[in-house]
Amino acid sequence: MTKHFMNRAAQGDVYFERIETLPAGLDLAPIEKGAHVVAHSETGHNHVIDSRAAQLFIDKTNAFIAYLKVLEPVELKHLRDHDTHEALAFTPGVYRVRRQREATPEGWRRAQD
């Protein structure tokens, strides 16, 4: 099953918001096995999107924010065999990607599964 949305959506601990343009000074994220890993999971169930249909950009000034430029309709998939999140359908455009964070005695970190 696939979830469709207009401006905002979430898949697990990852939140997406459509924006007008990419900010300056971003770095293109690496491609792993034909996909961009939009959100890594320490348990191995990453959130991925096909690199032929989208580009993922990293904001080196903020580890909780990334940007997704979708070039053609594509689905974000959750790589897990059980208790998986439904696929999330993206239309062409630019999206801000926010990772959930949690407080620790050492400071803020990405939420752990």
PDB file of N, CA and C in Angstrom:
ATOM      1  N   MET A   1       0.842  -1.175   0.000  1.00  0.00           N
ATOM      2  CA  MET A   1       0.000   0.000   0.000  1.00  0.00           C
ATOM      3  C   MET A   1       0.891   1.243   0.000  1.00  0.00           C
ATOM      4  N   THR A   2       0.448   2.297  -0.646  1.00  0.00           N
ATOM      5  CA  THR A   2       1.221   3.524  -0.767  1.00  0.00           C
ATOM      6  C   THR A   2       0.417   4.702  -0.241  1.00  0.00           C
ATOM      7  N   LYS A   3       1.057   5.550   0.540  1.00  0.00           N
ATOM      8  CA  LYS A   3       0.433   6.748   1.083  1.00  0.00           C
ATOM      9  C   LYS A   3       0.764   7.926   0.169  1.00  0.00           C
ATOM     10  N   HIS A   4      -0.246   8.694  -0.234  1.00  0.00           N
ATOM     11  CA  HIS A   4      -0.066   9.894  -1.054  1.00  0.00           C
ATOM     12  C   HIS A   4      -0.260  11.126  -0.177  1.00  0.00           C
ATOM     13  N   PHE A   5       0.429  12.217  -0.499  1.00  0.00           N
ATOM     14  CA  PHE A   5       0.297  13.443   0.286  1.00  0.00           C
ATOM     15  C   PHE A   5       0.525  14.653  -0.603  1.00  0.00           C
ATOM     16  N   MET A   6       0.145  15.823  -0.080  1.00  0.00           N
ATOM     17  CA  MET A   6       0.313  17.073  -0.832  1.00  0.00           C
ATOM     18  C   MET A   6       1.540  17.862  -0.343  1.00  0.00           C
ATOM     19  N   ASN A   7       1.543  18.275   0.925  1.00  0.00           N
ATOM     20  CA  ASN A   7       2.598  19.167   1.412  1.00  0.00           C
ATOM     21  C   ASN A   7       3.441  18.614   2.555  1.00  0.00           C
ATOM     22  N   ARG A   8       2.862  17.766   3.397  1.00  0.00           N
ATOM     23  CA  ARG A   8       3.588  17.231   4.558  1.00  0.00           C
ATOM     24  C   ARG A   8       3.222  15.778   4.766  1.00  0.00           C
ATOM     25  N   ALA A   9       4.231  15.015   5.217  1.00  0.00           N
ATOM     26  CA  ALA A   9       3.988  13.602   5.518  1.00  0.00           C
ATOM     27  C   ALA A   9       5.124  13.090   6.392  1.00  0.00           C
ATOM     28  N   ALA A  10       4.880  11.939   7.006  1.00  0.00           N
ATOM     29  CA  ALA A  10       5.912  11.302   7.821  1.00  0.00           C
ATOM     30  C   ALA A  10       5.940   9.820   7.500  1.00  0.00           C
ATOM     31  N   GLN A  11       7.120   9.250   7.643  1.00  0.00           N
ATOM     32  CA  GLN A  11       7.293   7.801   7.550  1.00  0.00           C
ATOM     33  C   GLN A  11       8.178   7.435   8.740  1.00  0.00           C
ATOM     34  N   GLY A  12       7.555   6.858   9.760  1.00  0.00           N
ATOM     35  CA  GLY A  12       8.302   6.563  10.973  1.00  0.00           C
ATOM     36  C   GLY A  12       8.818   7.836  11.601  1.00  0.00           C
ATOM     37  N   ASP A  13      10.126   7.886  11.876  1.00  0.00           N
ATOM     38  CA  ASP A  13      10.713   9.055  12.541  1.00  0.00           C
ATOM     39  C   ASP A  13      11.247  10.099  11.560  1.00  0.00           C
ATOM     40  N   VAL A  14      10.801  10.035  10.295  1.00  0.00           N
ATOM     41  CA  VAL A  14      11.250  10.984   9.280  1.00  0.00           C
ATOM     42  C   VAL A  14      10.047  11.805   8.808  1.00  0.00           C
ATOM     43  N   TYR A  15      10.209  13.137   8.797  1.00  0.00           N
ATOM     44  CA  TYR A  15       9.137  14.060   8.440  1.00  0.00           C
ATOM     45  C   TYR A  15       9.536  14.804   7.167  1.00  0.00           C
ATOM     46  N   PHE A  16       8.590  14.946   6.234  1.00  0.00           N
ATOM     47  CA  PHE A  16       8.835  15.596   4.944  1.00  0.00           C
ATOM     48  C   PHE A  16       7.907  16.786   4.790  1.00  0.00           C
ATOM     49  N   GLU A  17       8.468  17.883   4.277  1.00  0.00           N
ATOM     50  CA  GLU A  17       7.686  19.080   4.029  1.00  0.00           C
ATOM     51  C   GLU A  17       8.090  19.658   2.675  1.00  0.00           C
ATOM     52  N   ARG A  18       7.107  19.875   1.802  1.00  0.00           N
ATOM     53  CA  ARG A  18       7.385  20.473   0.488  1.00  0.00           C
ATOM     54  C   ARG A  18       7.789  21.930   0.684  1.00  0.00           C
ATOM     55  N   ILE A  19       8.867  22.339  -0.007  1.00  0.00           N
ATOM     56  CA  ILE A  19       9.337  23.725   0.035  1.00  0.00           C
ATOM     57  C   ILE A  19       9.537  24.205  -1.395  1.00  0.00           C
ATOM     58  N   GLU A  20       9.795  25.492  -1.557  1.00  0.00           N
ATOM     59  CA  GLU A  20       9.917  26.080  -2.895  1.00  0.00           C
ATOM     60  C   GLU A  20      11.242  25.757  -3.583  1.00  0.00           C
ATOM     61  N   THR A  21      12.362  25.978  -2.877  1.00  0.00           N
ATOM     62  CA  THR A  21      13.673  25.805  -3.512  1.00  0.00           C
ATOM     63  C   THR A  21      14.681  25.217  -2.522  1.00  0.00           C
ATOM     64  N   LEU A  22      15.728  24.660  -3.080  1.00  0.00           N
ATOM     65  CA  LEU A  22      16.828  24.156  -2.260  1.00  0.00           C
ATOM     66  C   LEU A  22      17.648  25.323  -1.722  1.00  0.00           C
ATOM     67  N   PRO A  23      18.071  25.260  -0.474  1.00  0.00           N
ATOM     68  CA  PRO A  23      19.000  26.282   0.021  1.00  0.00           C
ATOM     69  C   PRO A  23      20.379  26.090  -0.615  1.00  0.00           C
ATOM     70  N   ALA A  24      21.195  27.109  -0.554  1.00  0.00           N
ATOM     71  CA  ALA A  24      22.557  27.038  -1.101  1.00  0.00           C
ATOM     72  C   ALA A  24      23.469  26.280  -0.139  1.00  0.00           C
ATOM     73  N   GLY A  25      24.572  25.778  -0.670  1.00  0.00           N
ATOM     74  CA  GLY A  25      25.618  25.190   0.151  1.00  0.00           C
ATOM     75  C   GLY A  25      25.389  23.761   0.588  1.00  0.00           C
ATOM     76  N   LEU A  26      24.595  23.014  -0.135  1.00  0.00           N
ATOM     77  CA  LEU A  26      24.322  21.618   0.220  1.00  0.00           C
ATOM     78  C   LEU A  26      25.249  20.678  -0.530  1.00  0.00           C
ATOM     79  N   ASP A  27      25.461  19.498   0.020  1.00  0.00           N
ATOM     80  CA  ASP A  27      26.259  18.466  -0.629  1.00  0.00           C
ATOM     81  C   ASP A  27      25.351  17.319  -1.059  1.00  0.00           C
ATOM     82  N   LEU A  28      25.596  16.787  -2.241  1.00  0.00           N
ATOM     83  CA  LEU A  28      24.841  15.638  -2.720  1.00  0.00           C
ATOM     84  C   LEU A  28      25.238  14.413  -1.905  1.00  0.00           C
ATOM     85  N   ALA A  29      24.241  13.677  -1.436  1.00  0.00           N
ATOM     86  CA  ALA A  29      24.493  12.487  -0.614  1.00  0.00           C
ATOM     87  C   ALA A  29      24.963  11.331  -1.489  1.00  0.00           C
ATOM     88  N   PRO A  30      25.696  10.401  -0.917  1.00  0.00           N
ATOM     89  CA  PRO A  30      26.143   9.234  -1.683  1.00  0.00           C
ATOM     90  C   PRO A  30      24.981   8.311  -2.040  1.00  0.00           C
ATOM     91  N   ILE A  31      25.211   7.504  -3.062  1.00  0.00           N
ATOM     92  CA  ILE A  31      24.224   6.525  -3.520  1.00  0.00           C
ATOM     93  C   ILE A  31      24.683   5.158  -3.052  1.00  0.00           C
ATOM     94  N   GLU A  32      23.752   4.385  -2.479  1.00  0.00           N
ATOM     95  CA  GLU A  32      24.058   3.036  -2.013  1.00  0.00           C
ATOM     96  C   GLU A  32      23.148   2.042  -2.726  1.00  0.00           C
ATOM     97  N   LYS A  33      23.717   1.204  -3.573  1.00  0.00           N
ATOM     98  CA  LYS A  33      22.960   0.182  -4.301  1.00  0.00           C
ATOM     99  C   LYS A  33      21.790   0.769  -5.076  1.00  0.00           C
ATOM    100  N   GLY A  34      22.037   1.881  -5.779  1.00  0.00           N
ATOM    101  CA  GLY A  34      21.020   2.496  -6.627  1.00  0.00           C
ATOM    102  C   GLY A  34      19.991   3.331  -5.892  1.00  0.00           C
ATOM    103  N   ALA A  35      20.233   3.584  -4.608  1.00  0.00           N
ATOM    104  CA  ALA A  35      19.255   4.344  -3.827  1.00  0.00           C
ATOM    105  C   ALA A  35      19.956   5.342  -2.917  1.00  0.00           C
ATOM    106  N   HIS A  36      19.203   6.370  -2.546  1.00  0.00           N
ATOM    107  CA  HIS A  36      19.641   7.284  -1.494  1.00  0.00           C
ATOM    108  C   HIS A  36      19.017   6.798  -0.200  1.00  0.00           C
ATOM    109  N   VAL A  37      19.814   6.689   0.838  1.00  0.00           N
ATOM    110  CA  VAL A  37      19.286   6.342   2.158  1.00  0.00           C
ATOM    111  C   VAL A  37      18.880   7.664   2.816  1.00  0.00           C
ATOM    112  N   VAL A  38      17.582   7.911   2.819  1.00  0.00           N
ATOM    113  CA  VAL A  38      17.049   9.157   3.358  1.00  0.00           C
ATOM    114  C   VAL A  38      17.179   9.175   4.877  1.00  0.00           C
ATOM    115  N   ALA A  39      17.002   8.011   5.494  1.00  0.00           N
ATOM    116  CA  ALA A  39      17.167   7.890   6.944  1.00  0.00           C
ATOM    117  C   ALA A  39      17.744   6.524   7.256  1.00  0.00           C
ATOM    118  N   HIS A  40      18.919   6.523   7.883  1.00  0.00           N
ATOM    119  CA  HIS A  40      19.548   5.280   8.324  1.00  0.00           C
ATOM    120  C   HIS A  40      18.874   4.792   9.593  1.00  0.00           C
ATOM    121  N   SER A  41      18.844   3.502   9.749  1.00  0.00           N
ATOM    122  CA  SER A  41      18.340   2.906  10.977  1.00  0.00           C
ATOM    123  C   SER A  41      19.427   2.022  11.557  1.00  0.00           C
ATOM    124  N   GLU A  42      19.666   2.154  12.848  1.00  0.00           N
ATOM    125  CA  GLU A  42      20.672   1.315  13.476  1.00  0.00           C
ATOM    126  C   GLU A  42      20.257  -0.147  13.506  1.00  0.00           C
ATOM    127  N   THR A  43      18.971  -0.431  13.265  1.00  0.00           N
ATOM    128  CA  THR A  43      18.511  -1.823  13.203  1.00  0.00           C
ATOM    129  C   THR A  43      18.451  -2.338  11.768  1.00  0.00           C
ATOM    130  N   GLY A  44      18.870  -1.517  10.797  1.00  0.00           N
ATOM    131  CA  GLY A  44      18.974  -1.962   9.414  1.00  0.00           C
ATOM    132  C   GLY A  44      17.762  -1.741   8.540  1.00  0.00           C
ATOM    133  N   HIS A  45      16.690  -1.186   9.083  1.00  0.00           N
ATOM    134  CA  HIS A  45      15.519  -0.951   8.232  1.00  0.00           C
ATOM    135  C   HIS A  45      15.488   0.508   7.756  1.00  0.00           C
ATOM    136  N   ASN A  46      16.361   0.793   6.806  1.00  0.00           N
ATOM    137  CA  ASN A  46      16.523   2.140   6.279  1.00  0.00           C
ATOM    138  C   ASN A  46      15.314   2.595   5.470  1.00  0.00           C
ATOM    139  N   HIS A  47      15.189   3.913   5.333  1.00  0.00           N
ATOM    140  CA  HIS A  47      14.176   4.540   4.494  1.00  0.00           C
ATOM    141  C   HIS A  47      14.918   4.971   3.226  1.00  0.00           C
ATOM    142  N   VAL A  48      14.544   4.416   2.056  1.00  0.00           N
ATOM    143  CA  VAL A  48      15.318   4.646   0.833  1.00  0.00           C
ATOM    144  C   VAL A  48      14.438   5.128  -0.314  1.00  0.00           C
ATOM    145  N   ILE A  49      15.100   5.828  -1.257  1.00  0.00           N
ATOM    146  CA  ILE A  49      14.420   6.314  -2.452  1.00  0.00           C
ATOM    147  C   ILE A  49      15.337   6.088  -3.656  1.00  0.00           C
ATOM    148  N   ASP A  50      14.774   5.728  -4.782  1.00  0.00           N
ATOM    149  CA  ASP A  50      15.523   5.420  -6.001  1.00  0.00           C
ATOM    150  C   ASP A  50      16.319   6.645  -6.456  1.00  0.00           C
ATOM    151  N   SER A  51      17.614   6.481  -6.612  1.00  0.00           N
ATOM    152  CA  SER A  51      18.491   7.606  -6.981  1.00  0.00           C
ATOM    153  C   SER A  51      18.306   8.071  -8.417  1.00  0.00           C
ATOM    154  N   ARG A  52      17.625   7.289  -9.251  1.00  0.00           N
ATOM    155  CA  ARG A  52      17.363   7.745 -10.629  1.00  0.00           C
ATOM    156  C   ARG A  52      16.227   8.747 -10.675  1.00  0.00           C
ATOM    157  N   ALA A  53      15.375   8.769  -9.643  1.00  0.00           N
ATOM    158  CA  ALA A  53      14.204   9.639  -9.628  1.00  0.00           C
ATOM    159  C   ALA A  53      14.332  10.805  -8.654  1.00  0.00           C
ATOM    160  N   ALA A  54      15.349  10.769  -7.791  1.00  0.00           N
ATOM    161  CA  ALA A  54      15.483  11.813  -6.773  1.00  0.00           C
ATOM    162  C   ALA A  54      16.943  12.011  -6.386  1.00  0.00           C
ATOM    163  N   GLN A  55      17.221  13.189  -5.864  1.00  0.00           N
ATOM    164  CA  GLN A  55      18.543  13.507  -5.351  1.00  0.00           C
ATOM    165  C   GLN A  55      18.396  13.886  -3.878  1.00  0.00           C
ATOM    166  N   LEU A  56      19.290  13.389  -3.047  1.00  0.00           N
ATOM    167  CA  LEU A  56      19.287  13.714  -1.626  1.00  0.00           C
ATOM    168  C   LEU A  56      20.463  14.630  -1.346  1.00  0.00           C
ATOM    169  N   PHE A  57      20.200  15.718  -0.650  1.00  0.00           N
ATOM    170  CA  PHE A  57      21.235  16.689  -0.315  1.00  0.00           C
ATOM    171  C   PHE A  57      21.384  16.777   1.195  1.00  0.00           C
ATOM    172  N   ILE A  58      22.618  16.868   1.652  1.00  0.00           N
ATOM    173  CA  ILE A  58      22.959  16.925   3.061  1.00  0.00           C
ATOM    174  C   ILE A  58      23.293  18.360   3.452  1.00  0.00           C
ATOM    175  N   ASP A  59      22.765  18.773   4.581  1.00  0.00           N
ATOM    176  CA  ASP A  59      23.103  20.070   5.165  1.00  0.00           C
ATOM    177  C   ASP A  59      24.151  19.807   6.243  1.00  0.00           C
ATOM    178  N   LYS A  60      25.404  20.099   5.962  1.00  0.00           N
ATOM    179  CA  LYS A  60      26.488  19.798   6.906  1.00  0.00           C
ATOM    180  C   LYS A  60      26.440  20.670   8.151  1.00  0.00           C
ATOM    181  N   THR A  61      25.595  21.692   8.162  1.00  0.00           N
ATOM    182  CA  THR A  61      25.486  22.538   9.347  1.00  0.00           C
ATOM    183  C   THR A  61      24.412  22.040  10.311  1.00  0.00           C
ATOM    184  N   ASN A  62      23.604  21.053   9.886  1.00  0.00           N
ATOM    185  CA  ASN A  62      22.520  20.561  10.742  1.00  0.00           C
ATOM    186  C   ASN A  62      22.286  19.080  10.453  1.00  0.00           C
ATOM    187  N   ALA A  63      22.690  18.210  11.352  1.00  0.00           N
ATOM    188  CA  ALA A  63      22.586  16.761  11.151  1.00  0.00           C
ATOM    189  C   ALA A  63      21.148  16.250  11.163  1.00  0.00           C
ATOM    190  N   PHE A  64      20.199  17.089  11.569  1.00  0.00           N
ATOM    191  CA  PHE A  64      18.804  16.663  11.644  1.00  0.00           C
ATOM    192  C   PHE A  64      18.005  17.044  10.403  1.00  0.00           C
ATOM    193  N   ILE A  65      18.647  17.752   9.455  1.00  0.00           N
ATOM    194  CA  ILE A  65      17.969  18.243   8.258  1.00  0.00           C
ATOM    195  C   ILE A  65      18.692  17.754   7.002  1.00  0.00           C
ATOM    196  N   ALA A  66      17.904  17.362   6.006  1.00  0.00           N
ATOM    197  CA  ALA A  66      18.417  17.051   4.671  1.00  0.00           C
ATOM    198  C   ALA A  66      17.365  17.578   3.686  1.00  0.00           C
ATOM    199  N   TYR A  67      17.650  17.483   2.407  1.00  0.00           N
ATOM    200  CA  TYR A  67      16.719  17.963   1.390  1.00  0.00           C
ATOM    201  C   TYR A  67      16.628  16.926   0.287  1.00  0.00           C
ATOM    202  N   LEU A  68      15.442  16.798  -0.252  1.00  0.00           N
ATOM    203  CA  LEU A  68      15.169  15.828  -1.303  1.00  0.00           C
ATOM    204  C   LEU A  68      14.633  16.575  -2.516  1.00  0.00           C
ATOM    205  N   LYS A  69      15.294  16.384  -3.663  1.00  0.00           N
ATOM    206  CA  LYS A  69      14.799  16.953  -4.917  1.00  0.00           C
ATOM    207  C   LYS A  69      14.273  15.795  -5.744  1.00  0.00           C
ATOM    208  N   VAL A  70      12.967  15.748  -5.910  1.00  0.00           N
ATOM    209  CA  VAL A  70      12.322  14.658  -6.639  1.00  0.00           C
ATOM    210  C   VAL A  70      12.145  15.086  -8.091  1.00  0.00           C
ATOM    211  N   LEU A  71      12.704  14.297  -9.000  1.00  0.00           N
ATOM    212  CA  LEU A  71      12.703  14.621 -10.426  1.00  0.00           C
ATOM    213  C   LEU A  71      11.524  14.003 -11.162  1.00  0.00           C
ATOM    214  N   GLU A  72      11.030  12.873 -10.665  1.00  0.00           N
ATOM    215  CA  GLU A  72       9.882  12.187 -11.265  1.00  0.00           C
ATOM    216  C   GLU A  72       9.149  11.423 -10.162  1.00  0.00           C
ATOM    217  N   PRO A  73       7.884  11.073 -10.366  1.00  0.00           N
ATOM    218  CA  PRO A  73       7.156  10.364  -9.310  1.00  0.00           C
ATOM    219  C   PRO A  73       7.930   9.135  -8.832  1.00  0.00           C
ATOM    220  N   VAL A  74       7.981   8.977  -7.511  1.00  0.00           N
ATOM    221  CA  VAL A  74       8.782   7.907  -6.911  1.00  0.00           C
ATOM    222  C   VAL A  74       8.244   7.608  -5.518  1.00  0.00           C
ATOM    223  N   GLU A  75       8.540   6.411  -5.028  1.00  0.00           N
ATOM    224  CA  GLU A  75       8.130   6.024  -3.685  1.00  0.00           C
ATOM    225  C   GLU A  75       9.327   5.926  -2.754  1.00  0.00           C
ATOM    226  N   LEU A  76       9.137   6.392  -1.535  1.00  0.00           N
ATOM    227  CA  LEU A  76      10.097   6.183  -0.467  1.00  0.00           C
ATOM    228  C   LEU A  76       9.710   4.863   0.193  1.00  0.00           C
ATOM    229  N   LYS A  77      10.657   3.954   0.310  1.00  0.00           N
ATOM    230  CA  LYS A  77      10.374   2.629   0.859  1.00  0.00           C
ATOM    231  C   LYS A  77      11.076   2.429   2.193  1.00  0.00           C
ATOM    232  N   HIS A  78      10.454   1.639   3.018  1.00  0.00           N
ATOM    233  CA  HIS A  78      10.994   1.287   4.335  1.00  0.00           C
ATOM    234  C   HIS A  78      11.459  -0.156   4.244  1.00  0.00           C
ATOM    235  N   LEU A  79      12.754  -0.388   4.349  1.00  0.00           N
ATOM    236  CA  LEU A  79      13.329  -1.712   4.141  1.00  0.00           C
ATOM    237  C   LEU A  79      13.249  -2.561   5.407  1.00  0.00           C
ATOM    238  N   ARG A  80      12.104  -3.163   5.584  1.00  0.00           N
ATOM    239  CA  ARG A  80      11.911  -4.051   6.720  1.00  0.00           C
ATOM    240  C   ARG A  80      10.822  -5.046   6.354  1.00  0.00           C
ATOM    241  N   ASP A  81      11.031  -6.302   6.682  1.00  0.00           N
ATOM    242  CA  ASP A  81      10.093  -7.359   6.300  1.00  0.00           C
ATOM    243  C   ASP A  81       8.837  -7.403   7.154  1.00  0.00           C
ATOM    244  N   HIS A  82       8.911  -6.912   8.376  1.00  0.00           N
ATOM    245  CA  HIS A  82       7.762  -6.951   9.282  1.00  0.00           C
ATOM    246  C   HIS A  82       7.566  -5.574   9.920  1.00  0.00           C
ATOM    247  N   ASP A  83       6.357  -5.290  10.335  1.00  0.00           N
ATOM    248  CA  ASP A  83       6.035  -4.003  10.958  1.00  0.00           C
ATOM    249  C   ASP A  83       6.600  -2.829  10.163  1.00  0.00           C
ATOM    250  N   THR A  84       6.482  -2.903   8.865  1.00  0.00           N
ATOM    251  CA  THR A  84       7.038  -1.864   8.007  1.00  0.00           C
ATOM    252  C   THR A  84       6.071  -0.692   7.863  1.00  0.00           C
ATOM    253  N   HIS A  85       6.610   0.469   7.537  1.00  0.00           N
ATOM    254  CA  HIS A  85       5.781   1.628   7.225  1.00  0.00           C
ATOM    255  C   HIS A  85       5.368   1.512   5.768  1.00  0.00           C
ATOM    256  N   GLU A  86       4.159   1.973   5.448  1.00  0.00           N
ATOM    257  CA  GLU A  86       3.736   1.932   4.061  1.00  0.00           C
ATOM    258  C   GLU A  86       4.611   2.860   3.224  1.00  0.00           C
ATOM    259  N   ALA A  87       4.736   2.549   1.935  1.00  0.00           N
ATOM    260  CA  ALA A  87       5.523   3.386   1.024  1.00  0.00           C
ATOM    261  C   ALA A  87       4.886   4.776   0.972  1.00  0.00           C
ATOM    262  N   LEU A  88       5.709   5.774   0.712  1.00  0.00           N
ATOM    263  CA  LEU A  88       5.262   7.159   0.645  1.00  0.00           C
ATOM    264  C   LEU A  88       5.514   7.678  -0.763  1.00  0.00           C
ATOM    265  N   ALA A  89       4.438   8.078  -1.462  1.00  0.00           N
ATOM    266  CA  ALA A  89       4.541   8.528  -2.852  1.00  0.00           C
ATOM    267  C   ALA A  89       4.914  10.008  -2.923  1.00  0.00           C
ATOM    268  N   PHE A  90       5.970  10.315  -3.675  1.00  0.00           N
ATOM    269  CA  PHE A  90       6.419  11.689  -3.882  1.00  0.00           C
ATOM    270  C   PHE A  90       6.150  12.101  -5.317  1.00  0.00           C
ATOM    271  N   THR A  91       5.716  13.339  -5.499  1.00  0.00           N
ATOM    272  CA  THR A  91       5.604  13.940  -6.819  1.00  0.00           C
ATOM    273  C   THR A  91       6.805  14.866  -6.998  1.00  0.00           C
ATOM    274  N   PRO A  92       7.138  15.234  -8.232  1.00  0.00           N
ATOM    275  CA  PRO A  92       8.295  16.106  -8.444  1.00  0.00           C
ATOM    276  C   PRO A  92       8.209  17.393  -7.612  1.00  0.00           C
ATOM    277  N   GLY A  93       9.346  17.776  -7.063  1.00  0.00           N
ATOM    278  CA  GLY A  93       9.418  18.980  -6.250  1.00  0.00           C
ATOM    279  C   GLY A  93      10.584  18.899  -5.285  1.00  0.00           C
ATOM    280  N   VAL A  94      10.640  19.844  -4.362  1.00  0.00           N
ATOM    281  CA  VAL A  94      11.709  19.928  -3.371  1.00  0.00           C
ATOM    282  C   VAL A  94      11.093  19.753  -1.989  1.00  0.00           C
ATOM    283  N   TYR A  95      11.762  18.957  -1.147  1.00  0.00           N
ATOM    284  CA  TYR A  95      11.246  18.639   0.184  1.00  0.00           C
ATOM    285  C   TYR A  95      12.347  18.782   1.230  1.00  0.00           C
ATOM    286  N   ARG A  96      11.975  19.351   2.375  1.00  0.00           N
ATOM    287  CA  ARG A  96      12.866  19.363   3.539  1.00  0.00           C
ATOM    288  C   ARG A  96      12.618  18.054   4.284  1.00  0.00           C
ATOM    289  N   VAL A  97      13.694  17.418   4.716  1.00  0.00           N
ATOM    290  CA  VAL A  97      13.628  16.150   5.431  1.00  0.00           C
ATOM    291  C   VAL A  97      14.113  16.407   6.853  1.00  0.00           C
ATOM    292  N   ARG A  98      13.270  16.102   7.823  1.00  0.00           N
ATOM    293  CA  ARG A  98      13.647  16.295   9.234  1.00  0.00           C
ATOM    294  C   ARG A  98      13.659  14.949   9.942  1.00  0.00           C
ATOM    295  N   ARG A  99      14.739  14.686  10.652  1.00  0.00           N
ATOM    296  CA  ARG A  99      14.857  13.474  11.467  1.00  0.00           C
ATOM    297  C   ARG A  99      14.443  13.790  12.889  1.00  0.00           C
ATOM    298  N   GLN A 100      13.709  12.864  13.483  1.00  0.00           N
ATOM    299  CA  GLN A 100      13.327  13.013  14.878  1.00  0.00           C
ATOM    300  C   GLN A 100      14.593  12.996  15.728  1.00  0.00           C
ATOM    301  N   ARG A 101      14.608  13.758  16.808  1.00  0.00           N
ATOM    302  CA  ARG A 101      15.773  13.790  17.679  1.00  0.00           C
ATOM    303  C   ARG A 101      15.337  13.570  19.115  1.00  0.00           C
ATOM    304  N   GLU A 102      16.321  13.212  19.937  1.00  0.00           N
ATOM    305  CA  GLU A 102      16.045  12.986  21.343  1.00  0.00           C
ATOM    306  C   GLU A 102      17.183  13.560  22.172  1.00  0.00           C
ATOM    307  N   ALA A 103      16.839  13.945  23.390  1.00  0.00           N
ATOM    308  CA  ALA A 103      17.841  14.510  24.287  1.00  0.00           C
ATOM    309  C   ALA A 103      18.570  13.399  25.027  1.00  0.00           C
ATOM    310  N   THR A 104      19.870  13.574  25.197  1.00  0.00           N
ATOM    311  CA  THR A 104      20.700  12.668  25.984  1.00  0.00           C
ATOM    312  C   THR A 104      21.539  13.537  26.923  1.00  0.00           C
ATOM    313  N   PRO A 105      22.189  12.959  27.912  1.00  0.00           N
ATOM    314  CA  PRO A 105      23.054  13.762  28.784  1.00  0.00           C
ATOM    315  C   PRO A 105      24.173  14.474  28.006  1.00  0.00           C
ATOM    316  N   GLU A 106      24.572  13.906  26.853  1.00  0.00           N
ATOM    317  CA  GLU A 106      25.634  14.514  26.041  1.00  0.00           C
ATOM    318  C   GLU A 106      25.117  15.588  25.099  1.00  0.00           C
ATOM    319  N   GLY A 107      23.795  15.685  24.931  1.00  0.00           N
ATOM    320  CA  GLY A 107      23.205  16.645  24.003  1.00  0.00           C
ATOM    321  C   GLY A 107      22.204  15.969  23.091  1.00  0.00           C
ATOM    322  N   TRP A 108      21.799  16.658  22.036  1.00  0.00           N
ATOM    323  CA  TRP A 108      20.805  16.133  21.098  1.00  0.00           C
ATOM    324  C   TRP A 108      21.445  15.104  20.177  1.00  0.00           C
ATOM    325  N   ARG A 109      20.669  14.074  19.812  1.00  0.00           N
ATOM    326  CA  ARG A 109      21.102  13.082  18.824  1.00  0.00           C
ATOM    327  C   ARG A 109      19.869  12.621  18.048  1.00  0.00           C
ATOM    328  N   ARG A 110      20.121  11.981  16.893  1.00  0.00           N
ATOM    329  CA  ARG A 110      19.015  11.410  16.117  1.00  0.00           C
ATOM    330  C   ARG A 110      18.338  10.352  16.954  1.00  0.00           C
ATOM    331  N   ALA A 111      17.018  10.259  16.830  1.00  0.00           N
ATOM    332  CA  ALA A 111      16.263   9.258  17.585  1.00  0.00           C
ATOM    333  C   ALA A 111      16.751   7.860  17.226  1.00  0.00           C
ATOM    334  N   GLN A 112      16.846   7.002  18.204  1.00  0.00           N
ATOM    335  CA  GLN A 112      17.275   5.629  18.016  1.00  0.00           C
ATOM    336  C   GLN A 112      16.056   4.725  17.928  1.00  0.00           C
ATOM    337  N   ASP A 113      16.100   3.726  17.042  1.00  0.00           N
ATOM    338  CA  ASP A 113      14.985   2.782  16.921  1.00  0.00           C
ATOM    339  C   ASP A 113      14.922   1.887  18.128  1.00  0.00           C
TER     340      ASP A 113
END
